[in-house]
Amino acid sequence: MNNEQPNNPLHGIKLADILEYIVEYYGWETLGEKIKINSFNSNPSIKSSLTFLRKTPWAREKVEQLYLKTKSKQNP
């Protein structure tokens, strides 16, 4: 295992995988309620959401934090 970022729980996890996981877990409607961004509420798609998240650090941070919170509930 690569030890470049040993304290980063997201190291090695692709943004696409994170987004697909939380969309599968919550669904677009609930996700749009939890994180208020247009790409989740208006014609949502993985592709459009990834484009937005890659350009918008604050939104990406919210998605990553929701992913970590959701995963921690799954694996206490």
C-alpha atoms as a PDB file:
ATOM      1  CA  MET A   1       0.000   0.000   0.000  1.00  0.00           C
ATOM      2  CA  ASN A   2       1.162   3.491  -0.789  1.00  0.00           C
ATOM      3  CA  ASN A   3       2.012   5.478   2.365  1.00  0.00           C
ATOM      4  CA  GLU A   4       2.070   8.949   0.805  1.00  0.00           C
ATOM      5  CA  GLN A   5      -1.167   9.973   2.561  1.00  0.00           C
ATOM      6  CA  PRO A   6      -1.643   7.582   5.473  1.00  0.00           C
ATOM      7  CA  ASN A   7      -4.068   9.898   7.324  1.00  0.00           C
ATOM      8  CA  ASN A   8      -6.320  10.622   4.343  1.00  0.00           C
ATOM      9  CA  PRO A   9      -9.330   8.267   4.444  1.00  0.00           C
ATOM     10  CA  LEU A  10     -10.191   9.186   0.847  1.00  0.00           C
ATOM     11  CA  HIS A  11      -6.764   8.400  -0.575  1.00  0.00           C
ATOM     12  CA  GLY A  12      -7.091   6.089  -3.549  1.00  0.00           C
ATOM     13  CA  ILE A  13     -10.867   6.470  -3.857  1.00  0.00           C
ATOM     14  CA  LYS A  14     -12.083   8.038  -7.097  1.00  0.00           C
ATOM     15  CA  LEU A  15     -14.634  10.835  -6.988  1.00  0.00           C
ATOM     16  CA  ALA A  16     -16.801   8.845  -9.418  1.00  0.00           C
ATOM     17  CA  ASP A  17     -16.840   5.904  -6.992  1.00  0.00           C
ATOM     18  CA  ILE A  18     -17.768   8.195  -4.101  1.00  0.00           C
ATOM     19  CA  LEU A  19     -20.612   9.758  -6.064  1.00  0.00           C
ATOM     20  CA  GLU A  20     -21.940   6.430  -7.327  1.00  0.00           C
ATOM     21  CA  TYR A  21     -21.923   5.054  -3.782  1.00  0.00           C
ATOM     22  CA  ILE A  22     -23.877   7.927  -2.241  1.00  0.00           C
ATOM     23  CA  VAL A  23     -26.337   8.064  -5.147  1.00  0.00           C
ATOM     24  CA  GLU A  24     -26.993   4.351  -4.728  1.00  0.00           C
ATOM     25  CA  TYR A  25     -27.297   4.732  -0.952  1.00  0.00           C
ATOM     26  CA  TYR A  26     -29.508   7.863  -0.833  1.00  0.00           C
ATOM     27  CA  GLY A  27     -30.959   8.297  -4.326  1.00  0.00           C
ATOM     28  CA  TRP A  28     -30.897  11.597  -6.218  1.00  0.00           C
ATOM     29  CA  GLU A  29     -33.876  13.142  -4.408  1.00  0.00           C
ATOM     30  CA  THR A  30     -32.531  12.626  -0.897  1.00  0.00           C
ATOM     31  CA  LEU A  31     -29.021  13.543  -1.995  1.00  0.00           C
ATOM     32  CA  GLY A  32     -30.381  16.792  -3.445  1.00  0.00           C
ATOM     33  CA  GLU A  33     -32.025  17.548  -0.100  1.00  0.00           C
ATOM     34  CA  LYS A  34     -28.840  16.838   1.851  1.00  0.00           C
ATOM     35  CA  ILE A  35     -26.524  18.785  -0.463  1.00  0.00           C
ATOM     36  CA  LYS A  36     -28.250  21.649  -2.242  1.00  0.00           C
ATOM     37  CA  ILE A  37     -26.632  21.796  -5.662  1.00  0.00           C
ATOM     38  CA  ASN A  38     -28.378  21.960  -9.042  1.00  0.00           C
ATOM     39  CA  SER A  39     -26.650  18.937 -10.513  1.00  0.00           C
ATOM     40  CA  PHE A  40     -28.395  16.797  -7.861  1.00  0.00           C
ATOM     41  CA  ASN A  41     -31.825  18.407  -8.245  1.00  0.00           C
ATOM     42  CA  SER A  42     -32.261  19.324 -11.915  1.00  0.00           C
ATOM     43  CA  ASN A  43     -31.838  16.453 -14.406  1.00  0.00           C
ATOM     44  CA  PRO A  44     -29.270  14.678 -12.224  1.00  0.00           C
ATOM     45  CA  SER A  45     -26.630  12.469 -13.759  1.00  0.00           C
ATOM     46  CA  ILE A  46     -23.288  11.108 -12.666  1.00  0.00           C
ATOM     47  CA  LYS A  47     -21.536  12.849 -15.565  1.00  0.00           C
ATOM     48  CA  SER A  48     -22.943  16.338 -14.933  1.00  0.00           C
ATOM     49  CA  SER A  49     -22.424  16.008 -11.201  1.00  0.00           C
ATOM     50  CA  LEU A  50     -18.791  14.926 -11.629  1.00  0.00           C
ATOM     51  CA  THR A  51     -18.124  17.879 -13.927  1.00  0.00           C
ATOM     52  CA  PHE A  52     -19.558  20.276 -11.341  1.00  0.00           C
ATOM     53  CA  LEU A  53     -17.828  18.663  -8.363  1.00  0.00           C
ATOM     54  CA  ARG A  54     -14.419  18.720 -10.060  1.00  0.00           C
ATOM     55  CA  LYS A  55     -14.747  22.484 -10.599  1.00  0.00           C
ATOM     56  CA  THR A  56     -16.318  23.361  -7.237  1.00  0.00           C
ATOM     57  CA  PRO A  57     -14.189  22.572  -4.173  1.00  0.00           C
ATOM     58  CA  TRP A  58     -16.865  23.417  -1.557  1.00  0.00           C
ATOM     59  CA  ALA A  59     -19.374  21.047  -3.169  1.00  0.00           C
ATOM     60  CA  ARG A  60     -16.802  18.283  -3.525  1.00  0.00           C
ATOM     61  CA  GLU A  61     -15.938  18.659   0.162  1.00  0.00           C
ATOM     62  CA  LYS A  62     -19.610  18.240   1.116  1.00  0.00           C
ATOM     63  CA  VAL A  63     -19.912  15.110  -1.031  1.00  0.00           C
ATOM     64  CA  GLU A  64     -16.720  13.631   0.422  1.00  0.00           C
ATOM     65  CA  GLN A  65     -17.850  14.352   3.990  1.00  0.00           C
ATOM     66  CA  LEU A  66     -21.259  12.780   3.352  1.00  0.00           C
ATOM     67  CA  TYR A  67     -19.514   9.726   1.904  1.00  0.00           C
ATOM     68  CA  LEU A  68     -17.274   9.366   4.969  1.00  0.00           C
ATOM     69  CA  LYS A  69     -20.225   9.819   7.324  1.00  0.00           C
ATOM     70  CA  THR A  70     -22.283   7.253   5.396  1.00  0.00           C
ATOM     71  CA  LYS A  71     -19.431   4.723   5.270  1.00  0.00           C
ATOM     72  CA  SER A  72     -18.818   5.111   9.003  1.00  0.00           C
ATOM     73  CA  LYS A  73     -22.488   4.285   9.667  1.00  0.00           C
ATOM     74  CA  GLN A  74     -22.079   1.173   7.522  1.00  0.00           C
ATOM     75  CA  ASN A  75     -18.878   0.018   9.259  1.00  0.00           C
ATOM     76  CA  PRO A  76     -18.978   1.089  12.917  1.00  0.00           C
END
